[in-house]
């Protein structure tokens, strides 16, 4: 799932079609219609039980594990998985932007209003 080409972020969404996944993301995040795009990673997925409601819905880590995704170190990556050699990390760009903003606020003596932790990245 991406947001209009300006940001390349992964979002884990179950839906019957790519457009349904993109539409779900747009509605959930408050984007305009056609601001998001999706690509198919798996098709015809049928879980006995979804952690959230039935599709379209956000896939949870437990759902992805049940489908054979490798769950990566959550302490480092929050929601990141590997599947068939591809790495998917949900919302990394947004997290980096918030951390950068907090670094700027902190440097100006205004604390960390987004509540991020400072890391060694510069």
C-alpha atoms as a PDB file:
ATOM      1  CA  UNK A   1       0.000   0.000   0.000  1.00  0.00           C
ATOM      2  CA  UNK A   2       1.414   3.398  -0.889  1.00  0.00           C
ATOM      3  CA  UNK A   3       0.246   6.962  -0.668  1.00  0.00           C
ATOM      4  CA  UNK A   4       0.171   8.610  -4.124  1.00  0.00           C
ATOM      5  CA  UNK A   5       3.824   7.930  -4.948  1.00  0.00           C
ATOM      6  CA  UNK A   6       5.197  10.634  -2.660  1.00  0.00           C
ATOM      7  CA  UNK A   7       5.526   8.213   0.224  1.00  0.00           C
ATOM      8  CA  UNK A   8       6.351   4.547  -0.140  1.00  0.00           C
ATOM      9  CA  UNK A   9       5.028   2.875   2.961  1.00  0.00           C
ATOM     10  CA  UNK A  10       3.699  -0.580   3.550  1.00  0.00           C
ATOM     11  CA  UNK A  11       0.309  -1.079   5.155  1.00  0.00           C
ATOM     12  CA  UNK A  12      -1.040  -4.559   5.810  1.00  0.00           C
ATOM     13  CA  UNK A  13      -4.610  -4.728   4.533  1.00  0.00           C
ATOM     14  CA  UNK A  14      -6.823  -7.677   3.629  1.00  0.00           C
ATOM     15  CA  UNK A  15      -9.199  -6.917   0.736  1.00  0.00           C
ATOM     16  CA  UNK A  16     -10.670  -8.730  -2.258  1.00  0.00           C
ATOM     17  CA  UNK A  17      -9.183  -6.275  -4.797  1.00  0.00           C
ATOM     18  CA  UNK A  18      -6.304  -3.799  -4.934  1.00  0.00           C
ATOM     19  CA  UNK A  19      -8.767  -0.924  -5.308  1.00  0.00           C
ATOM     20  CA  UNK A  20     -10.719  -2.123  -2.236  1.00  0.00           C
ATOM     21  CA  UNK A  21      -7.467  -2.155  -0.217  1.00  0.00           C
ATOM     22  CA  UNK A  22      -6.516   1.333  -1.411  1.00  0.00           C
ATOM     23  CA  UNK A  23     -10.024   2.646  -0.715  1.00  0.00           C
ATOM     24  CA  UNK A  24      -9.993   1.138   2.792  1.00  0.00           C
ATOM     25  CA  UNK A  25      -6.648   2.860   3.477  1.00  0.00           C
ATOM     26  CA  UNK A  26      -7.846   6.195   2.059  1.00  0.00           C
ATOM     27  CA  UNK A  27     -10.978   6.123   4.217  1.00  0.00           C
ATOM     28  CA  UNK A  28      -9.104   5.019   7.339  1.00  0.00           C
ATOM     29  CA  UNK A  29      -6.359   7.663   6.990  1.00  0.00           C
ATOM     30  CA  UNK A  30      -8.603  10.418   5.621  1.00  0.00           C
ATOM     31  CA  UNK A  31      -6.960  10.642   2.195  1.00  0.00           C
ATOM     32  CA  UNK A  32      -8.741  11.650  -0.986  1.00  0.00           C
ATOM     33  CA  UNK A  33      -9.998   8.985  -3.390  1.00  0.00           C
ATOM     34  CA  UNK A  34      -7.168   7.581  -5.536  1.00  0.00           C
ATOM     35  CA  UNK A  35      -4.429   9.027  -3.271  1.00  0.00           C
ATOM     36  CA  UNK A  36      -3.370   5.489  -2.306  1.00  0.00           C
ATOM     37  CA  UNK A  37      -2.427   2.476  -4.374  1.00  0.00           C
ATOM     38  CA  UNK A  38      -2.070  -1.168  -3.487  1.00  0.00           C
ATOM     39  CA  UNK A  39      -0.349  -4.226  -4.838  1.00  0.00           C
ATOM     40  CA  UNK A  40      -1.287  -7.837  -4.370  1.00  0.00           C
ATOM     41  CA  UNK A  41       1.083  -9.875  -2.201  1.00  0.00           C
ATOM     42  CA  UNK A  42      -1.201 -12.902  -1.717  1.00  0.00           C
ATOM     43  CA  UNK A  43      -4.480 -13.660  -3.435  1.00  0.00           C
ATOM     44  CA  UNK A  44      -7.469 -15.738  -2.377  1.00  0.00           C
ATOM     45  CA  UNK A  45      -6.553 -15.593   1.313  1.00  0.00           C
ATOM     46  CA  UNK A  46      -9.037 -17.290   3.599  1.00  0.00           C
ATOM     47  CA  UNK A  47      -8.232 -17.422   7.300  1.00  0.00           C
ATOM     48  CA  UNK A  48     -10.464 -19.394   9.637  1.00  0.00           C
ATOM     49  CA  UNK A  49     -10.585 -16.316  11.855  1.00  0.00           C
ATOM     50  CA  UNK A  50      -9.241 -12.798  11.315  1.00  0.00           C
ATOM     51  CA  UNK A  51      -7.904 -10.897  14.343  1.00  0.00           C
ATOM     52  CA  UNK A  52      -9.921  -7.859  13.180  1.00  0.00           C
ATOM     53  CA  UNK A  53     -13.228  -7.928  11.368  1.00  0.00           C
ATOM     54  CA  UNK A  54     -13.538  -9.673   7.979  1.00  0.00           C
ATOM     55  CA  UNK A  55     -11.970  -7.915   4.942  1.00  0.00           C
ATOM     56  CA  UNK A  56     -11.451  -5.228   4.107  1.00  0.00           C
ATOM     57  CA  UNK A  57      -9.494  -4.752   7.321  1.00  0.00           C
ATOM     58  CA  UNK A  58      -5.980  -4.222   8.634  1.00  0.00           C
ATOM     59  CA  UNK A  59      -4.027  -7.469   8.870  1.00  0.00           C
ATOM     60  CA  UNK A  60      -2.561  -8.046  12.299  1.00  0.00           C
ATOM     61  CA  UNK A  61       0.787  -9.666  13.055  1.00  0.00           C
ATOM     62  CA  UNK A  62      -0.989 -12.850  14.152  1.00  0.00           C
ATOM     63  CA  UNK A  63      -2.793 -12.985  10.781  1.00  0.00           C
ATOM     64  CA  UNK A  64       0.461 -12.527   8.869  1.00  0.00           C
ATOM     65  CA  UNK A  65       2.222 -15.196  10.947  1.00  0.00           C
ATOM     66  CA  UNK A  66      -0.604 -17.646  10.172  1.00  0.00           C
ATOM     67  CA  UNK A  67      -0.047 -16.984   6.451  1.00  0.00           C
ATOM     68  CA  UNK A  68       3.671 -17.764   6.630  1.00  0.00           C
ATOM     69  CA  UNK A  69       5.163 -14.287   6.966  1.00  0.00           C
ATOM     70  CA  UNK A  70       8.377 -14.080   8.983  1.00  0.00           C
ATOM     71  CA  UNK A  71       7.885 -11.568  11.796  1.00  0.00           C
ATOM     72  CA  UNK A  72      11.001  -9.459  12.298  1.00  0.00           C
ATOM     73  CA  UNK A  73      12.404  -8.145  15.575  1.00  0.00           C
ATOM     74  CA  UNK A  74       9.564  -5.952  16.846  1.00  0.00           C
ATOM     75  CA  UNK A  75      11.876  -4.002  19.169  1.00  0.00           C
ATOM     76  CA  UNK A  76      13.707  -2.641  16.120  1.00  0.00           C
ATOM     77  CA  UNK A  77      11.007  -2.535  13.455  1.00  0.00           C
ATOM     78  CA  UNK A  78       7.553  -2.224  15.151  1.00  0.00           C
ATOM     79  CA  UNK A  79       5.514  -3.930  12.385  1.00  0.00           C
ATOM     80  CA  UNK A  80       7.897  -5.431   9.864  1.00  0.00           C
ATOM     81  CA  UNK A  81       7.730  -8.783   8.114  1.00  0.00           C
ATOM     82  CA  UNK A  82       9.488 -10.732   5.379  1.00  0.00           C
ATOM     83  CA  UNK A  83       7.638 -12.824   2.818  1.00  0.00           C
ATOM     84  CA  UNK A  84       9.146 -14.679  -0.134  1.00  0.00           C
ATOM     85  CA  UNK A  85      12.312 -12.591   0.161  1.00  0.00           C
ATOM     86  CA  UNK A  86      10.533  -9.208   0.261  1.00  0.00           C
ATOM     87  CA  UNK A  87      10.699  -6.933   3.317  1.00  0.00           C
ATOM     88  CA  UNK A  88       7.594  -5.016   4.353  1.00  0.00           C
ATOM     89  CA  UNK A  89       7.665  -2.382   7.109  1.00  0.00           C
ATOM     90  CA  UNK A  90       4.481  -0.596   8.019  1.00  0.00           C
ATOM     91  CA  UNK A  91       4.525   3.170   8.254  1.00  0.00           C
ATOM     92  CA  UNK A  92       8.303   3.616   8.508  1.00  0.00           C
ATOM     93  CA  UNK A  93       8.378   6.938   6.672  1.00  0.00           C
ATOM     94  CA  UNK A  94       5.824   8.507   8.997  1.00  0.00           C
ATOM     95  CA  UNK A  95       7.752   7.317  12.064  1.00  0.00           C
ATOM     96  CA  UNK A  96      10.996   8.752  10.697  1.00  0.00           C
ATOM     97  CA  UNK A  97       9.352  12.109   9.982  1.00  0.00           C
ATOM     98  CA  UNK A  98       7.965  12.290  13.529  1.00  0.00           C
ATOM     99  CA  UNK A  99      11.337  11.373  15.018  1.00  0.00           C
ATOM    100  CA  UNK A 100      13.089  14.015  12.889  1.00  0.00           C
ATOM    101  CA  UNK A 101      10.532  16.631  13.968  1.00  0.00           C
ATOM    102  CA  UNK A 102      11.047  15.690  17.632  1.00  0.00           C
ATOM    103  CA  UNK A 103      14.810  16.002  17.168  1.00  0.00           C
ATOM    104  CA  UNK A 104      14.282  19.536  15.870  1.00  0.00           C
ATOM    105  CA  UNK A 105      11.922  20.444  18.723  1.00  0.00           C
ATOM    106  CA  UNK A 106      14.353  19.019  21.276  1.00  0.00           C
ATOM    107  CA  UNK A 107      17.268  20.953  19.780  1.00  0.00           C
ATOM    108  CA  UNK A 108      15.163  24.124  20.168  1.00  0.00           C
ATOM    109  CA  UNK A 109      14.488  23.284  23.830  1.00  0.00           C
ATOM    110  CA  UNK A 110      10.835  22.337  23.242  1.00  0.00           C
ATOM    111  CA  UNK A 111      10.984  18.654  24.235  1.00  0.00           C
ATOM    112  CA  UNK A 112       9.682  15.779  22.106  1.00  0.00           C
ATOM    113  CA  UNK A 113       5.972  16.574  21.461  1.00  0.00           C
ATOM    114  CA  UNK A 114       5.468  13.497  19.239  1.00  0.00           C
ATOM    115  CA  UNK A 115       6.765  11.238  21.999  1.00  0.00           C
ATOM    116  CA  UNK A 116       9.418   9.526  19.876  1.00  0.00           C
ATOM    117  CA  UNK A 117      12.659   8.186  21.280  1.00  0.00           C
ATOM    118  CA  UNK A 118      15.874   9.632  19.995  1.00  0.00           C
ATOM    119  CA  UNK A 119      18.016   7.161  18.094  1.00  0.00           C
ATOM    120  CA  UNK A 120      21.525   7.298  16.679  1.00  0.00           C
ATOM    121  CA  UNK A 121      20.206   8.294  13.219  1.00  0.00           C
ATOM    122  CA  UNK A 122      21.142  11.755  12.046  1.00  0.00           C
END
